[in-house]
Amino acid sequence: MTHEDQVTAGPGGVMTVEVGVVTGDLTVVTTVRDDKAHIAVQYTGADEWYTLQGSPVPLRGRTGADVHQEVLERVRAGGEATAPD
């Protein structure tokens, strides 16, 4: 299952594996595979996708939707946000 939303990153943006911090209007996609949530972000409308630092995340009793909502909250907060534990 895949969850996708557009969100504006808070001050300090989010930390990605490939390019470091990204800021601004982002598209966030959370995909569940093998009991893990894989989280990717992109500048909304861009072609390149980046892995959110800390992804993939073990579900540990959570749903993909739960993890996705937590990621959105973290992105909105900024502060070089990473994936939840």
PDB file of N, CA and C in Angstrom:
ATOM      1  N   MET A   1       0.828  -1.175   0.000  1.00  0.00           N
ATOM      2  CA  MET A   1       0.000   0.000   0.000  1.00  0.00           C
ATOM      3  C   MET A   1       0.872   1.237   0.000  1.00  0.00           C
ATOM      4  N   THR A   2       0.423   2.274  -0.690  1.00  0.00           N
ATOM      5  CA  THR A   2       1.168   3.519  -0.802  1.00  0.00           C
ATOM      6  C   THR A   2       0.305   4.684  -0.336  1.00  0.00           C
ATOM      7  N   HIS A   3       0.923   5.596   0.396  1.00  0.00           N
ATOM      8  CA  HIS A   3       0.272   6.818   0.862  1.00  0.00           C
ATOM      9  C   HIS A   3       1.074   7.990   0.316  1.00  0.00           C
ATOM     10  N   GLU A   4       0.383   9.007  -0.210  1.00  0.00           N
ATOM     11  CA  GLU A   4       1.066  10.155  -0.816  1.00  0.00           C
ATOM     12  C   GLU A   4       0.357  11.440  -0.429  1.00  0.00           C
ATOM     13  N   ASP A   5       1.145  12.447  -0.051  1.00  0.00           N
ATOM     14  CA  ASP A   5       0.616  13.765   0.283  1.00  0.00           C
ATOM     15  C   ASP A   5       1.622  14.832  -0.085  1.00  0.00           C
ATOM     16  N   GLN A   6       1.103  16.035  -0.298  1.00  0.00           N
ATOM     17  CA  GLN A   6       1.945  17.203  -0.500  1.00  0.00           C
ATOM     18  C   GLN A   6       1.928  18.017   0.779  1.00  0.00           C
ATOM     19  N   VAL A   7       3.079  18.518   1.168  1.00  0.00           N
ATOM     20  CA  VAL A   7       3.216  19.242   2.435  1.00  0.00           C
ATOM     21  C   VAL A   7       4.356  20.245   2.295  1.00  0.00           C
ATOM     22  N   THR A   8       4.270  21.320   3.041  1.00  0.00           N
ATOM     23  CA  THR A   8       5.360  22.288   3.083  1.00  0.00           C
ATOM     24  C   THR A   8       6.215  21.992   4.301  1.00  0.00           C
ATOM     25  N   ALA A   9       7.506  21.821   4.063  1.00  0.00           N
ATOM     26  CA  ALA A   9       8.426  21.519   5.159  1.00  0.00           C
ATOM     27  C   ALA A   9       8.572  22.734   6.068  1.00  0.00           C
ATOM     28  N   GLY A  10       8.641  22.449   7.357  1.00  0.00           N
ATOM     29  CA  GLY A  10       8.867  23.515   8.328  1.00  0.00           C
ATOM     30  C   GLY A  10      10.300  24.013   8.264  1.00  0.00           C
ATOM     31  N   PRO A  11      10.618  25.035   9.064  1.00  0.00           N
ATOM     32  CA  PRO A  11      11.970  25.596   9.064  1.00  0.00           C
ATOM     33  C   PRO A  11      13.022  24.526   9.319  1.00  0.00           C
ATOM     34  N   GLY A  12      14.028  24.489   8.482  1.00  0.00           N
ATOM     35  CA  GLY A  12      15.089  23.491   8.606  1.00  0.00           C
ATOM     36  C   GLY A  12      14.859  22.263   7.755  1.00  0.00           C
ATOM     37  N   GLY A  13      13.663  22.127   7.155  1.00  0.00           N
ATOM     38  CA  GLY A  13      13.378  21.074   6.189  1.00  0.00           C
ATOM     39  C   GLY A  13      13.505  19.665   6.716  1.00  0.00           C
ATOM     40  N   VAL A  14      13.796  18.753   5.792  1.00  0.00           N
ATOM     41  CA  VAL A  14      13.955  17.338   6.109  1.00  0.00           C
ATOM     42  C   VAL A  14      15.303  16.841   5.615  1.00  0.00           C
ATOM     43  N   MET A  15      15.823  15.826   6.273  1.00  0.00           N
ATOM     44  CA  MET A  15      17.124  15.261   5.913  1.00  0.00           C
ATOM     45  C   MET A  15      16.927  14.052   5.009  1.00  0.00           C
ATOM     46  N   THR A  16      17.618  14.085   3.854  1.00  0.00           N
ATOM     47  CA  THR A  16      17.566  12.958   2.929  1.00  0.00           C
ATOM     48  C   THR A  16      18.927  12.271   2.871  1.00  0.00           C
ATOM     49  N   VAL A  17      18.907  11.033   2.429  1.00  0.00           N
ATOM     50  CA  VAL A  17      20.139  10.258   2.296  1.00  0.00           C
ATOM     51  C   VAL A  17      20.997  10.806   1.167  1.00  0.00           C
ATOM     52  N   GLU A  18      20.374  11.130   0.045  1.00  0.00           N
ATOM     53  CA  GLU A  18      21.121  11.445  -1.173  1.00  0.00           C
ATOM     54  C   GLU A  18      21.668  12.869  -1.243  1.00  0.00           C
ATOM     55  N   VAL A  19      20.910  13.858  -0.766  1.00  0.00           N
ATOM     56  CA  VAL A  19      21.320  15.254  -0.979  1.00  0.00           C
ATOM     57  C   VAL A  19      21.307  16.109   0.281  1.00  0.00           C
ATOM     58  N   GLY A  20      21.115  15.486   1.432  1.00  0.00           N
ATOM     59  CA  GLY A  20      21.054  16.274   2.658  1.00  0.00           C
ATOM     60  C   GLY A  20      19.681  16.906   2.823  1.00  0.00           C
ATOM     61  N   VAL A  21      19.655  18.136   3.299  1.00  0.00           N
ATOM     62  CA  VAL A  21      18.401  18.804   3.643  1.00  0.00           C
ATOM     63  C   VAL A  21      17.676  19.300   2.392  1.00  0.00           C
ATOM     64  N   VAL A  22      16.360  19.057   2.353  1.00  0.00           N
ATOM     65  CA  VAL A  22      15.491  19.653   1.338  1.00  0.00           C
ATOM     66  C   VAL A  22      14.404  20.429   2.069  1.00  0.00           C
ATOM     67  N   THR A  23      13.961  21.515   1.450  1.00  0.00           N
ATOM     68  CA  THR A  23      12.991  22.410   2.064  1.00  0.00           C
ATOM     69  C   THR A  23      11.908  22.769   1.060  1.00  0.00           C
ATOM     70  N   GLY A  24      10.896  23.467   1.538  1.00  0.00           N
ATOM     71  CA  GLY A  24       9.860  23.968   0.640  1.00  0.00           C
ATOM     72  C   GLY A  24       8.707  23.009   0.489  1.00  0.00           C
ATOM     73  N   ASP A  25       8.043  23.111  -0.686  1.00  0.00           N
ATOM     74  CA  ASP A  25       6.883  22.266  -0.970  1.00  0.00           C
ATOM     75  C   ASP A  25       7.354  20.896  -1.421  1.00  0.00           C
ATOM     76  N   LEU A  26       6.953  19.867  -0.671  1.00  0.00           N
ATOM     77  CA  LEU A  26       7.420  18.508  -0.913  1.00  0.00           C
ATOM     78  C   LEU A  26       6.251  17.562  -1.104  1.00  0.00           C
ATOM     79  N   THR A  27       6.496  16.522  -1.880  1.00  0.00           N
ATOM     80  CA  THR A  27       5.591  15.387  -1.969  1.00  0.00           C
ATOM     81  C   THR A  27       6.227  14.263  -1.174  1.00  0.00           C
ATOM     82  N   VAL A  28       5.451  13.665  -0.284  1.00  0.00           N
ATOM     83  CA  VAL A  28       5.928  12.590   0.576  1.00  0.00           C
ATOM     84  C   VAL A  28       5.162  11.318   0.225  1.00  0.00           C
ATOM     85  N   VAL A  29       5.902  10.242  -0.026  1.00  0.00           N
ATOM     86  CA  VAL A  29       5.291   8.953  -0.348  1.00  0.00           C
ATOM     87  C   VAL A  29       5.817   7.902   0.636  1.00  0.00           C
ATOM     88  N   THR A  30       4.885   7.186   1.241  1.00  0.00           N
ATOM     89  CA  THR A  30       5.221   6.079   2.137  1.00  0.00           C
ATOM     90  C   THR A  30       4.668   4.804   1.516  1.00  0.00           C
ATOM     91  N   THR A  31       5.555   3.840   1.272  1.00  0.00           N
ATOM     92  CA  THR A  31       5.172   2.574   0.665  1.00  0.00           C
ATOM     93  C   THR A  31       5.541   1.442   1.617  1.00  0.00           C
ATOM     94  N   VAL A  32       4.587   0.554   1.877  1.00  0.00           N
ATOM     95  CA  VAL A  32       4.843  -0.576   2.772  1.00  0.00           C
ATOM     96  C   VAL A  32       5.257  -1.788   1.952  1.00  0.00           C
ATOM     97  N   ARG A  33       6.436  -2.326   2.313  1.00  0.00           N
ATOM     98  CA  ARG A  33       6.950  -3.562   1.712  1.00  0.00           C
ATOM     99  C   ARG A  33       7.661  -4.344   2.806  1.00  0.00           C
ATOM    100  N   ASP A  34       7.381  -5.634   2.881  1.00  0.00           N
ATOM    101  CA  ASP A  34       8.092  -6.518   3.813  1.00  0.00           C
ATOM    102  C   ASP A  34       8.050  -6.008   5.252  1.00  0.00           C
ATOM    103  N   ASP A  35       6.872  -5.575   5.725  1.00  0.00           N
ATOM    104  CA  ASP A  35       6.683  -5.097   7.098  1.00  0.00           C
ATOM    105  C   ASP A  35       7.539  -3.882   7.435  1.00  0.00           C
ATOM    106  N   LYS A  36       7.881  -3.097   6.410  1.00  0.00           N
ATOM    107  CA  LYS A  36       8.630  -1.858   6.615  1.00  0.00           C
ATOM    108  C   LYS A  36       7.992  -0.749   5.788  1.00  0.00           C
ATOM    109  N   ALA A  37       8.075   0.464   6.313  1.00  0.00           N
ATOM    110  CA  ALA A  37       7.592   1.641   5.593  1.00  0.00           C
ATOM    111  C   ALA A  37       8.783   2.325   4.945  1.00  0.00           C
ATOM    112  N   HIS A  38       8.766   2.410   3.620  1.00  0.00           N
ATOM    113  CA  HIS A  38       9.811   3.069   2.848  1.00  0.00           C
ATOM    114  C   HIS A  38       9.308   4.471   2.522  1.00  0.00           C
ATOM    115  N   ILE A  39      10.080   5.491   2.907  1.00  0.00           N
ATOM    116  CA  ILE A  39       9.618   6.875   2.791  1.00  0.00           C
ATOM    117  C   ILE A  39      10.518   7.633   1.825  1.00  0.00           C
ATOM    118  N   ALA A  40       9.872   8.256   0.833  1.00  0.00           N
ATOM    119  CA  ALA A  40      10.588   9.049  -0.162  1.00  0.00           C
ATOM    120  C   ALA A  40       9.961  10.435  -0.241  1.00  0.00           C
ATOM    121  N   VAL A  41      10.799  11.430  -0.564  1.00  0.00           N
ATOM    122  CA  VAL A  41      10.317  12.800  -0.728  1.00  0.00           C
ATOM    123  C   VAL A  41      10.858  13.364  -2.039  1.00  0.00           C
ATOM    124  N   GLN A  42      10.129  14.314  -2.572  1.00  0.00           N
ATOM    125  CA  GLN A  42      10.596  15.032  -3.748  1.00  0.00           C
ATOM    126  C   GLN A  42      10.081  16.454  -3.659  1.00  0.00           C
ATOM    127  N   TYR A  43      10.801  17.372  -4.327  1.00  0.00           N
ATOM    128  CA  TYR A  43      10.245  18.703  -4.498  1.00  0.00           C
ATOM    129  C   TYR A  43       8.999  18.523  -5.348  1.00  0.00           C
ATOM    130  N   THR A  44       7.869  19.046  -4.910  1.00  0.00           N
ATOM    131  CA  THR A  44       6.616  18.860  -5.628  1.00  0.00           C
ATOM    132  C   THR A  44       6.784  19.306  -7.075  1.00  0.00           C
ATOM    133  N   GLY A  45       6.456  18.396  -7.994  1.00  0.00           N
ATOM    134  CA  GLY A  45       6.551  18.674  -9.424  1.00  0.00           C
ATOM    135  C   GLY A  45       7.883  18.295 -10.051  1.00  0.00           C
ATOM    136  N   ALA A  46       8.867  17.916  -9.226  1.00  0.00           N
ATOM    137  CA  ALA A  46      10.180  17.532  -9.750  1.00  0.00           C
ATOM    138  C   ALA A  46      10.179  16.057 -10.144  1.00  0.00           C
ATOM    139  N   ASP A  47      11.250  15.626 -10.794  1.00  0.00           N
ATOM    140  CA  ASP A  47      11.382  14.234 -11.204  1.00  0.00           C
ATOM    141  C   ASP A  47      12.142  13.380 -10.195  1.00  0.00           C
ATOM    142  N   GLU A  48      13.066  13.983  -9.459  1.00  0.00           N
ATOM    143  CA  GLU A  48      13.947  13.230  -8.574  1.00  0.00           C
ATOM    144  C   GLU A  48      13.273  12.929  -7.240  1.00  0.00           C
ATOM    145  N   TRP A  49      13.473  11.695  -6.777  1.00  0.00           N
ATOM    146  CA  TRP A  49      12.997  11.266  -5.463  1.00  0.00           C
ATOM    147  C   TRP A  49      14.198  11.043  -4.564  1.00  0.00           C
ATOM    148  N   TYR A  50      14.026  11.334  -3.280  1.00  0.00           N
ATOM    149  CA  TYR A  50      15.078  11.156  -2.285  1.00  0.00           C
ATOM    150  C   TYR A  50      14.545  10.325  -1.117  1.00  0.00           C
ATOM    151  N   THR A  51      15.421   9.530  -0.536  1.00  0.00           N
ATOM    152  CA  THR A  51      15.066   8.703   0.614  1.00  0.00           C
ATOM    153  C   THR A  51      15.155   9.539   1.876  1.00  0.00           C
ATOM    154  N   LEU A  52      14.095   9.535   2.682  1.00  0.00           N
ATOM    155  CA  LEU A  52      14.131  10.238   3.956  1.00  0.00           C
ATOM    156  C   LEU A  52      15.103   9.503   4.883  1.00  0.00           C
ATOM    157  N   GLN A  53      15.990  10.260   5.514  1.00  0.00           N
ATOM    158  CA  GLN A  53      16.968   9.666   6.434  1.00  0.00           C
ATOM    159  C   GLN A  53      16.237   8.821   7.470  1.00  0.00           C
ATOM    160  N   GLY A  54      16.704   7.592   7.668  1.00  0.00           N
ATOM    161  CA  GLY A  54      16.092   6.670   8.621  1.00  0.00           C
ATOM    162  C   GLY A  54      15.123   5.684   7.994  1.00  0.00           C
ATOM    163  N   SER A  55      14.825   5.876   6.720  1.00  0.00           N
ATOM    164  CA  SER A  55      13.947   4.951   5.994  1.00  0.00           C
ATOM    165  C   SER A  55      14.775   3.791   5.469  1.00  0.00           C
ATOM    166  N   PRO A  56      14.227   2.584   5.469  1.00  0.00           N
ATOM    167  CA  PRO A  56      12.887   2.153   5.840  1.00  0.00           C
ATOM    168  C   PRO A  56      12.717   2.027   7.347  1.00  0.00           C
ATOM    169  N   VAL A  57      11.447   2.080   7.766  1.00  0.00           N
ATOM    170  CA  VAL A  57      11.072   2.046   9.168  1.00  0.00           C
ATOM    171  C   VAL A  57      10.294   0.764   9.444  1.00  0.00           C
ATOM    172  N   PRO A  58      10.701  -0.042  10.425  1.00  0.00           N
ATOM    173  CA  PRO A  58       9.895  -1.209  10.789  1.00  0.00           C
ATOM    174  C   PRO A  58       8.512  -0.761  11.274  1.00  0.00           C
ATOM    175  N   LEU A  59       7.471  -1.468  10.884  1.00  0.00           N
ATOM    176  CA  LEU A  59       6.118  -1.071  11.273  1.00  0.00           C
ATOM    177  C   LEU A  59       5.869  -1.253  12.770  1.00  0.00           C
ATOM    178  N   ARG A  60       6.371  -2.320  13.366  1.00  0.00           N
ATOM    179  CA  ARG A  60       6.238  -2.574  14.809  1.00  0.00           C
ATOM    180  C   ARG A  60       4.813  -2.340  15.307  1.00  0.00           C
ATOM    181  N   GLY A  61       3.854  -2.972  14.635  1.00  0.00           N
ATOM    182  CA  GLY A  61       2.468  -2.874  15.062  1.00  0.00           C
ATOM    183  C   GLY A  61       1.707  -1.677  14.520  1.00  0.00           C
ATOM    184  N   ARG A  62       2.410  -0.786  13.835  1.00  0.00           N
ATOM    185  CA  ARG A  62       1.755   0.371  13.222  1.00  0.00           C
ATOM    186  C   ARG A  62       1.350   0.025  11.799  1.00  0.00           C
ATOM    187  N   THR A  63       0.430   0.782  11.263  1.00  0.00           N
ATOM    188  CA  THR A  63       0.083   0.644   9.851  1.00  0.00           C
ATOM    189  C   THR A  63       0.924   1.611   9.038  1.00  0.00           C
ATOM    190  N   GLY A  64       0.941   1.398   7.730  1.00  0.00           N
ATOM    191  CA  GLY A  64       1.612   2.345   6.843  1.00  0.00           C
ATOM    192  C   GLY A  64       1.014   3.734   6.961  1.00  0.00           C
ATOM    193  N   ALA A  65      -0.308   3.803   7.139  1.00  0.00           N
ATOM    194  CA  ALA A  65      -0.988   5.097   7.298  1.00  0.00           C
ATOM    195  C   ALA A  65      -0.524   5.797   8.573  1.00  0.00           C
ATOM    196  N   ASP A  66      -0.329   5.026   9.654  1.00  0.00           N
ATOM    197  CA  ASP A  66       0.157   5.612  10.915  1.00  0.00           C
ATOM    198  C   ASP A  66       1.535   6.237  10.719  1.00  0.00           C
ATOM    199  N   VAL A  67       2.429   5.482  10.098  1.00  0.00           N
ATOM    200  CA  VAL A  67       3.785   5.973   9.870  1.00  0.00           C
ATOM    201  C   VAL A  67       3.747   7.197   8.958  1.00  0.00           C
ATOM    202  N   HIS A  68       2.943   7.140   7.903  1.00  0.00           N
ATOM    203  CA  HIS A  68       2.845   8.263   6.968  1.00  0.00           C
ATOM    204  C   HIS A  68       2.394   9.533   7.691  1.00  0.00           C
ATOM    205  N   GLN A  69       1.382   9.428   8.547  1.00  0.00           N
ATOM    206  CA  GLN A  69       0.906  10.596   9.285  1.00  0.00           C
ATOM    207  C   GLN A  69       1.988  11.153  10.204  1.00  0.00           C
ATOM    208  N   GLU A  70       2.749  10.269  10.841  1.00  0.00           N
ATOM    209  CA  GLU A  70       3.837  10.737  11.697  1.00  0.00           C
ATOM    210  C   GLU A  70       4.914  11.443  10.879  1.00  0.00           C
ATOM    211  N   VAL A  71       5.199  10.909   9.702  1.00  0.00           N
ATOM    212  CA  VAL A  71       6.179  11.556   8.814  1.00  0.00           C
ATOM    213  C   VAL A  71       5.687  12.949   8.422  1.00  0.00           C
ATOM    214  N   LEU A  72       4.418  13.068   8.050  1.00  0.00           N
ATOM    215  CA  LEU A  72       3.877  14.383   7.669  1.00  0.00           C
ATOM    216  C   LEU A  72       4.021  15.385   8.809  1.00  0.00           C
ATOM    217  N   GLU A  73       3.744  14.960  10.030  1.00  0.00           N
ATOM    218  CA  GLU A  73       3.906  15.844  11.189  1.00  0.00           C
ATOM    219  C   GLU A  73       5.353  16.286  11.342  1.00  0.00           C
ATOM    220  N   ARG A  74       6.278  15.352  11.157  1.00  0.00           N
ATOM    221  CA  ARG A  74       7.697  15.676  11.270  1.00  0.00           C
ATOM    222  C   ARG A  74       8.136  16.636  10.173  1.00  0.00           C
ATOM    223  N   VAL A  75       7.659  16.405   8.951  1.00  0.00           N
ATOM    224  CA  VAL A  75       8.011  17.292   7.837  1.00  0.00           C
ATOM    225  C   VAL A  75       7.490  18.701   8.109  1.00  0.00           C
ATOM    226  N   ARG A  76       6.253  18.818   8.562  1.00  0.00           N
ATOM    227  CA  ARG A  76       5.685  20.139   8.869  1.00  0.00           C
ATOM    228  C   ARG A  76       6.475  20.852   9.964  1.00  0.00           C
ATOM    229  N   ALA A  77       7.010  20.077  10.904  1.00  0.00           N
ATOM    230  CA  ALA A  77       7.792  20.655  11.996  1.00  0.00           C
ATOM    231  C   ALA A  77       9.179  21.088  11.531  1.00  0.00           C
ATOM    232  N   GLY A  78       9.732  20.401  10.520  1.00  0.00           N
ATOM    233  CA  GLY A  78      11.065  20.747  10.004  1.00  0.00           C
ATOM    234  C   GLY A  78      12.173  20.309  10.934  1.00  0.00           C
ATOM    235  N   GLY A  79      13.184  21.173  11.072  1.00  0.00           N
ATOM    236  CA  GLY A  79      14.298  20.845  11.952  1.00  0.00           C
ATOM    237  C   GLY A  79      15.135  19.681  11.479  1.00  0.00           C
ATOM    238  N   GLU A  80      15.345  19.585  10.145  1.00  0.00           N
ATOM    239  CA  GLU A  80      16.071  18.454   9.552  1.00  0.00           C
ATOM    240  C   GLU A  80      15.408  17.141   9.927  1.00  0.00           C
ATOM    241  N   ALA A  81      14.090  17.088   9.762  1.00  0.00           N
ATOM    242  CA  ALA A  81      13.290  15.930  10.142  1.00  0.00           C
ATOM    243  C   ALA A  81      13.782  14.646   9.481  1.00  0.00           C
ATOM    244  N   THR A  82      13.664  13.566  10.213  1.00  0.00           N
ATOM    245  CA  THR A  82      14.018  12.235   9.726  1.00  0.00           C
ATOM    246  C   THR A  82      12.810  11.315   9.927  1.00  0.00           C
ATOM    247  N   ALA A  83      12.947  10.084   9.481  1.00  0.00           N
ATOM    248  CA  ALA A  83      11.883   9.100   9.646  1.00  0.00           C
ATOM    249  C   ALA A  83      11.707   8.760  11.123  1.00  0.00           C
ATOM    250  N   PRO A  84      10.476   8.413  11.528  1.00  0.00           N
ATOM    251  CA  PRO A  84      10.256   8.005  12.917  1.00  0.00           C
ATOM    252  C   PRO A  84      10.936   6.670  13.208  1.00  0.00           C
ATOM    253  N   ASP A  85      11.212   6.425  14.471  1.00  0.00           N
ATOM    254  CA  ASP A  85      11.847   5.155  14.877  1.00  0.00           C
ATOM    255  C   ASP A  85      10.859   4.028  14.771  1.00  0.00           C
TER     256      ASP A  85
END
